[in-house]
Amino acid sequence: MNINPRHQGLVDTAIWLCIYGGLLSIVISVALEPDDGDIAFWLACVGSLVTAVGIGLIYIRSRMK
């Protein structure tokens, strides 16, 4: 898969935003768990999904030329 070098930087930025944003959501959900378990559960689910998207983008990035 060929990609414009300008878009390559956007993919790299999206990877790091997804991974670090998702992991930060998981950490915040752990901190919120004693006060409100429902919000913490959903925040952890969303954070896990966002982190998984970041990992998927790493795979896509590895296939780019």
PDB file of N, CA and C in Angstrom:
ATOM      1  N   MET A   1       0.851  -1.162   0.000  1.00  0.00           N
ATOM      2  CA  MET A   1       0.000   0.000   0.000  1.00  0.00           C
ATOM      3  C   MET A   1       0.904   1.235   0.000  1.00  0.00           C
ATOM      4  N   ASN A   2       0.812   2.045  -1.010  1.00  0.00           N
ATOM      5  CA  ASN A   2       1.595   3.287  -1.076  1.00  0.00           C
ATOM      6  C   ASN A   2       0.823   4.408  -0.404  1.00  0.00           C
ATOM      7  N   ILE A   3       1.555   5.283   0.262  1.00  0.00           N
ATOM      8  CA  ILE A   3       0.912   6.393   0.961  1.00  0.00           C
ATOM      9  C   ILE A   3       1.767   7.639   0.819  1.00  0.00           C
ATOM     10  N   ASN A   4       1.098   8.740   0.778  1.00  0.00           N
ATOM     11  CA  ASN A   4       1.751  10.038   0.719  1.00  0.00           C
ATOM     12  C   ASN A   4       2.508  10.271   2.041  1.00  0.00           C
ATOM     13  N   PRO A   5       3.746  10.756   1.996  1.00  0.00           N
ATOM     14  CA  PRO A   5       4.498  10.986   3.251  1.00  0.00           C
ATOM     15  C   PRO A   5       3.770  11.923   4.225  1.00  0.00           C
ATOM     16  N   ARG A   6       2.988  12.842   3.693  1.00  0.00           N
ATOM     17  CA  ARG A   6       2.242  13.747   4.573  1.00  0.00           C
ATOM     18  C   ARG A   6       1.209  12.974   5.385  1.00  0.00           C
ATOM     19  N   HIS A   7       0.571  11.992   4.768  1.00  0.00           N
ATOM     20  CA  HIS A   7      -0.425  11.184   5.472  1.00  0.00           C
ATOM     21  C   HIS A   7       0.215  10.211   6.443  1.00  0.00           C
ATOM     22  N   GLN A   8       1.444   9.839   6.177  1.00  0.00           N
ATOM     23  CA  GLN A   8       2.149   8.933   7.074  1.00  0.00           C
ATOM     24  C   GLN A   8       2.297   9.560   8.459  1.00  0.00           C
ATOM     25  N   GLY A   9       2.571  10.838   8.512  1.00  0.00           N
ATOM     26  CA  GLY A   9       2.672  11.535   9.795  1.00  0.00           C
ATOM     27  C   GLY A   9       1.341  11.576  10.526  1.00  0.00           C
ATOM     28  N   LEU A  10       0.247  11.696   9.780  1.00  0.00           N
ATOM     29  CA  LEU A  10      -1.073  11.696  10.402  1.00  0.00           C
ATOM     30  C   LEU A  10      -1.396  10.331  11.014  1.00  0.00           C
ATOM     31  N   VAL A  11      -1.011   9.274  10.316  1.00  0.00           N
ATOM     32  CA  VAL A  11      -1.242   7.929  10.846  1.00  0.00           C
ATOM     33  C   VAL A  11      -0.423   7.722  12.117  1.00  0.00           C
ATOM     34  N   ASP A  12       0.821   8.167  12.104  1.00  0.00           N
ATOM     35  CA  ASP A  12       1.662   8.035  13.303  1.00  0.00           C
ATOM     36  C   ASP A  12       1.061   8.787  14.486  1.00  0.00           C
ATOM     37  N   THR A  13       0.568   9.988  14.235  1.00  0.00           N
ATOM     38  CA  THR A  13      -0.054  10.775  15.299  1.00  0.00           C
ATOM     39  C   THR A  13      -1.314  10.092  15.823  1.00  0.00           C
ATOM     40  N   ALA A  14      -2.123   9.550  14.926  1.00  0.00           N
ATOM     41  CA  ALA A  14      -3.346   8.863  15.347  1.00  0.00           C
ATOM     42  C   ALA A  14      -3.029   7.625  16.178  1.00  0.00           C
ATOM     43  N   ILE A  15      -1.965   6.918  15.823  1.00  0.00           N
ATOM     44  CA  ILE A  15      -1.561   5.732  16.592  1.00  0.00           C
ATOM     45  C   ILE A  15      -1.271   6.123  18.036  1.00  0.00           C
ATOM     46  N   TRP A  16      -0.419   7.129  18.210  1.00  0.00           N
ATOM     47  CA  TRP A  16      -0.034   7.505  19.577  1.00  0.00           C
ATOM     48  C   TRP A  16      -1.192   8.099  20.356  1.00  0.00           C
ATOM     49  N   LEU A  17      -2.044   8.865  19.695  1.00  0.00           N
ATOM     50  CA  LEU A  17      -3.212   9.408  20.390  1.00  0.00           C
ATOM     51  C   LEU A  17      -4.146   8.299  20.858  1.00  0.00           C
ATOM     52  N   CYS A  18      -4.376   7.317  20.016  1.00  0.00           N
ATOM     53  CA  CYS A  18      -5.264   6.214  20.396  1.00  0.00           C
ATOM     54  C   CYS A  18      -4.680   5.391  21.537  1.00  0.00           C
ATOM     55  N   ILE A  19      -3.417   5.057  21.427  1.00  0.00           N
ATOM     56  CA  ILE A  19      -2.817   4.204  22.461  1.00  0.00           C
ATOM     57  C   ILE A  19      -2.752   4.931  23.799  1.00  0.00           C
ATOM     58  N   TYR A  20      -2.175   6.125  23.808  1.00  0.00           N
ATOM     59  CA  TYR A  20      -2.043   6.830  25.085  1.00  0.00           C
ATOM     60  C   TYR A  20      -3.387   7.318  25.618  1.00  0.00           C
ATOM     61  N   GLY A  21      -4.279   7.746  24.748  1.00  0.00           N
ATOM     62  CA  GLY A  21      -5.609   8.162  25.202  1.00  0.00           C
ATOM     63  C   GLY A  21      -6.396   7.009  25.789  1.00  0.00           C
ATOM     64  N   GLY A  22      -6.317   5.848  25.137  1.00  0.00           N
ATOM     65  CA  GLY A  22      -7.019   4.676  25.655  1.00  0.00           C
ATOM     66  C   GLY A  22      -6.468   4.215  26.990  1.00  0.00           C
ATOM     67  N   LEU A  23      -5.148   4.186  27.098  1.00  0.00           N
ATOM     68  CA  LEU A  23      -4.543   3.767  28.370  1.00  0.00           C
ATOM     69  C   LEU A  23      -4.834   4.769  29.485  1.00  0.00           C
ATOM     70  N   LEU A  24      -4.855   6.052  29.153  1.00  0.00           N
ATOM     71  CA  LEU A  24      -5.205   7.060  30.157  1.00  0.00           C
ATOM     72  C   LEU A  24      -6.645   6.880  30.624  1.00  0.00           C
ATOM     73  N   SER A  25      -7.545   6.543  29.714  1.00  0.00           N
ATOM     74  CA  SER A  25      -8.936   6.285  30.097  1.00  0.00           C
ATOM     75  C   SER A  25      -9.043   5.101  31.046  1.00  0.00           C
ATOM     76  N   ILE A  26      -8.252   4.078  30.798  1.00  0.00           N
ATOM     77  CA  ILE A  26      -8.277   2.908  31.674  1.00  0.00           C
ATOM     78  C   ILE A  26      -7.767   3.266  33.068  1.00  0.00           C
ATOM     79  N   VAL A  27      -6.701   4.059  33.127  1.00  0.00           N
ATOM     80  CA  VAL A  27      -6.162   4.471  34.430  1.00  0.00           C
ATOM     81  C   VAL A  27      -7.173   5.338  35.182  1.00  0.00           C
ATOM     82  N   ILE A  28      -7.832   6.236  34.491  1.00  0.00           N
ATOM     83  CA  ILE A  28      -8.846   7.082  35.135  1.00  0.00           C
ATOM     84  C   ILE A  28     -10.014   6.226  35.617  1.00  0.00           C
ATOM     85  N   SER A  29     -10.383   5.207  34.846  1.00  0.00           N
ATOM     86  CA  SER A  29     -11.485   4.344  35.274  1.00  0.00           C
ATOM     87  C   SER A  29     -11.133   3.580  36.552  1.00  0.00           C
ATOM     88  N   VAL A  30      -9.867   3.194  36.693  1.00  0.00           N
ATOM     89  CA  VAL A  30      -9.441   2.517  37.926  1.00  0.00           C
ATOM     90  C   VAL A  30      -9.552   3.477  39.111  1.00  0.00           C
ATOM     91  N   ALA A  31      -9.221   4.745  38.892  1.00  0.00           N
ATOM     92  CA  ALA A  31      -9.313   5.731  39.964  1.00  0.00           C
ATOM     93  C   ALA A  31     -10.771   6.039  40.321  1.00  0.00           C
ATOM     94  N   LEU A  32     -11.671   5.980  39.342  1.00  0.00           N
ATOM     95  CA  LEU A  32     -13.082   6.284  39.585  1.00  0.00           C
ATOM     96  C   LEU A  32     -13.873   5.103  40.147  1.00  0.00           C
ATOM     97  N   GLU A  33     -13.327   3.919  40.052  1.00  0.00           N
ATOM     98  CA  GLU A  33     -14.070   2.714  40.399  1.00  0.00           C
ATOM     99  C   GLU A  33     -14.652   2.723  41.812  1.00  0.00           C
ATOM    100  N   PRO A  34     -13.941   3.185  42.839  1.00  0.00           N
ATOM    101  CA  PRO A  34     -14.553   3.181  44.180  1.00  0.00           C
ATOM    102  C   PRO A  34     -15.759   4.121  44.302  1.00  0.00           C
ATOM    103  N   ASP A  35     -15.762   5.214  43.554  1.00  0.00           N
ATOM    104  CA  ASP A  35     -16.852   6.179  43.678  1.00  0.00           C
ATOM    105  C   ASP A  35     -18.054   5.830  42.797  1.00  0.00           C
ATOM    106  N   ASP A  36     -17.807   5.476  41.552  1.00  0.00           N
ATOM    107  CA  ASP A  36     -18.903   5.191  40.625  1.00  0.00           C
ATOM    108  C   ASP A  36     -18.477   4.066  39.688  1.00  0.00           C
ATOM    109  N   GLY A  37     -18.875   2.877  40.027  1.00  0.00           N
ATOM    110  CA  GLY A  37     -18.468   1.700  39.281  1.00  0.00           C
ATOM    111  C   GLY A  37     -19.006   1.646  37.866  1.00  0.00           C
ATOM    112  N   ASP A  38     -20.223   2.187  37.644  1.00  0.00           N
ATOM    113  CA  ASP A  38     -20.818   2.135  36.303  1.00  0.00           C
ATOM    114  C   ASP A  38     -20.039   2.993  35.314  1.00  0.00           C
ATOM    115  N   ILE A  39     -19.736   4.212  35.705  1.00  0.00           N
ATOM    116  CA  ILE A  39     -18.966   5.096  34.817  1.00  0.00           C
ATOM    117  C   ILE A  39     -17.571   4.534  34.600  1.00  0.00           C
ATOM    118  N   ALA A  40     -16.974   4.000  35.642  1.00  0.00           N
ATOM    119  CA  ALA A  40     -15.632   3.421  35.523  1.00  0.00           C
ATOM    120  C   ALA A  40     -15.645   2.244  34.549  1.00  0.00           C
ATOM    121  N   PHE A  41     -16.677   1.411  34.604  1.00  0.00           N
ATOM    122  CA  PHE A  41     -16.774   0.267  33.698  1.00  0.00           C
ATOM    123  C   PHE A  41     -16.844   0.727  32.251  1.00  0.00           C
ATOM    124  N   TRP A  42     -17.710   1.682  31.960  1.00  0.00           N
ATOM    125  CA  TRP A  42     -17.855   2.150  30.579  1.00  0.00           C
ATOM    126  C   TRP A  42     -16.614   2.887  30.096  1.00  0.00           C
ATOM    127  N   LEU A  43     -15.989   3.626  30.982  1.00  0.00           N
ATOM    128  CA  LEU A  43     -14.759   4.320  30.605  1.00  0.00           C
ATOM    129  C   LEU A  43     -13.647   3.313  30.303  1.00  0.00           C
ATOM    130  N   ALA A  44     -13.586   2.245  31.060  1.00  0.00           N
ATOM    131  CA  ALA A  44     -12.591   1.197  30.798  1.00  0.00           C
ATOM    132  C   ALA A  44     -12.874   0.492  29.478  1.00  0.00           C
ATOM    133  N   CYS A  45     -14.141   0.263  29.176  1.00  0.00           N
ATOM    134  CA  CYS A  45     -14.501  -0.372  27.899  1.00  0.00           C
ATOM    135  C   CYS A  45     -14.115   0.509  26.718  1.00  0.00           C
ATOM    136  N   VAL A  46     -14.442   1.774  26.802  1.00  0.00           N
ATOM    137  CA  VAL A  46     -14.095   2.700  25.719  1.00  0.00           C
ATOM    138  C   VAL A  46     -12.583   2.823  25.591  1.00  0.00           C
ATOM    139  N   GLY A  47     -11.890   2.929  26.704  1.00  0.00           N
ATOM    140  CA  GLY A  47     -10.430   3.011  26.670  1.00  0.00           C
ATOM    141  C   GLY A  47      -9.795   1.779  26.059  1.00  0.00           C
ATOM    142  N   SER A  48     -10.356   0.608  26.353  1.00  0.00           N
ATOM    143  CA  SER A  48      -9.836  -0.620  25.764  1.00  0.00           C
ATOM    144  C   SER A  48     -10.052  -0.648  24.258  1.00  0.00           C
ATOM    145  N   LEU A  49     -11.216  -0.213  23.818  1.00  0.00           N
ATOM    146  CA  LEU A  49     -11.496  -0.179  22.378  1.00  0.00           C
ATOM    147  C   LEU A  49     -10.578   0.803  21.652  1.00  0.00           C
ATOM    148  N   VAL A  50     -10.372   1.964  22.242  1.00  0.00           N
ATOM    149  CA  VAL A  50      -9.502   2.962  21.609  1.00  0.00           C
ATOM    150  C   VAL A  50      -8.065   2.452  21.541  1.00  0.00           C
ATOM    151  N   THR A  51      -7.620   1.779  22.590  1.00  0.00           N
ATOM    152  CA  THR A  51      -6.279   1.192  22.573  1.00  0.00           C
ATOM    153  C   THR A  51      -6.174   0.115  21.501  1.00  0.00           C
ATOM    154  N   ALA A  52      -7.214  -0.687  21.342  1.00  0.00           N
ATOM    155  CA  ALA A  52      -7.221  -1.723  20.303  1.00  0.00           C
ATOM    156  C   ALA A  52      -7.176  -1.099  18.909  1.00  0.00           C
ATOM    157  N   VAL A  53      -7.843   0.020  18.722  1.00  0.00           N
ATOM    158  CA  VAL A  53      -7.782   0.727  17.433  1.00  0.00           C
ATOM    159  C   VAL A  53      -6.353   1.186  17.168  1.00  0.00           C
ATOM    160  N   GLY A  54      -5.685   1.692  18.187  1.00  0.00           N
ATOM    161  CA  GLY A  54      -4.291   2.105  18.034  1.00  0.00           C
ATOM    162  C   GLY A  54      -3.391   0.944  17.644  1.00  0.00           C
ATOM    163  N   ILE A  55      -3.621  -0.216  18.234  1.00  0.00           N
ATOM    164  CA  ILE A  55      -2.832  -1.397  17.887  1.00  0.00           C
ATOM    165  C   ILE A  55      -3.127  -1.822  16.451  1.00  0.00           C
ATOM    166  N   GLY A  56      -4.383  -1.727  16.050  1.00  0.00           N
ATOM    167  CA  GLY A  56      -4.735  -2.024  14.662  1.00  0.00           C
ATOM    168  C   GLY A  56      -4.071  -1.067  13.692  1.00  0.00           C
ATOM    169  N   LEU A  57      -3.975   0.185  14.074  1.00  0.00           N
ATOM    170  CA  LEU A  57      -3.298   1.165  13.220  1.00  0.00           C
ATOM    171  C   LEU A  57      -1.807   0.872  13.102  1.00  0.00           C
ATOM    172  N   ILE A  58      -1.212   0.315  14.144  1.00  0.00           N
ATOM    173  CA  ILE A  58       0.191  -0.081  14.046  1.00  0.00           C
ATOM    174  C   ILE A  58       0.346  -1.160  12.977  1.00  0.00           C
ATOM    175  N   TYR A  59      -0.574  -2.109  12.929  1.00  0.00           N
ATOM    176  CA  TYR A  59      -0.519  -3.142  11.914  1.00  0.00           C
ATOM    177  C   TYR A  59      -0.668  -2.523  10.513  1.00  0.00           C
ATOM    178  N   ILE A  60      -1.617  -1.624  10.368  1.00  0.00           N
ATOM    179  CA  ILE A  60      -1.819  -0.957   9.076  1.00  0.00           C
ATOM    180  C   ILE A  60      -0.575  -0.176   8.687  1.00  0.00           C
ATOM    181  N   ARG A  61       0.018   0.510   9.646  1.00  0.00           N
ATOM    182  CA  ARG A  61       1.228   1.290   9.388  1.00  0.00           C
ATOM    183  C   ARG A  61       2.381   0.404   8.944  1.00  0.00           C
ATOM    184  N   SER A  62       2.454  -0.810   9.495  1.00  0.00           N
ATOM    185  CA  SER A  62       3.540  -1.711   9.123  1.00  0.00           C
ATOM    186  C   SER A  62       3.399  -2.215   7.686  1.00  0.00           C
ATOM    187  N   ARG A  63       2.205  -2.171   7.123  1.00  0.00           N
ATOM    188  CA  ARG A  63       1.971  -2.629   5.762  1.00  0.00           C
ATOM    189  C   ARG A  63       2.124  -1.525   4.727  1.00  0.00           C
ATOM    190  N   MET A  64       2.302  -0.285   5.174  1.00  0.00           N
ATOM    191  CA  MET A  64       2.466   0.827   4.251  1.00  0.00           C
ATOM    192  C   MET A  64       3.883   0.882   3.722  1.00  0.00           C
ATOM    193  N   LYS A  65       4.029   1.349   2.488  1.00  0.00           N
ATOM    194  CA  LYS A  65       5.368   1.496   1.891  1.00  0.00           C
ATOM    195  C   LYS A  65       5.774   2.942   1.857  1.00  0.00           C
TER     196      LYS A  65
END
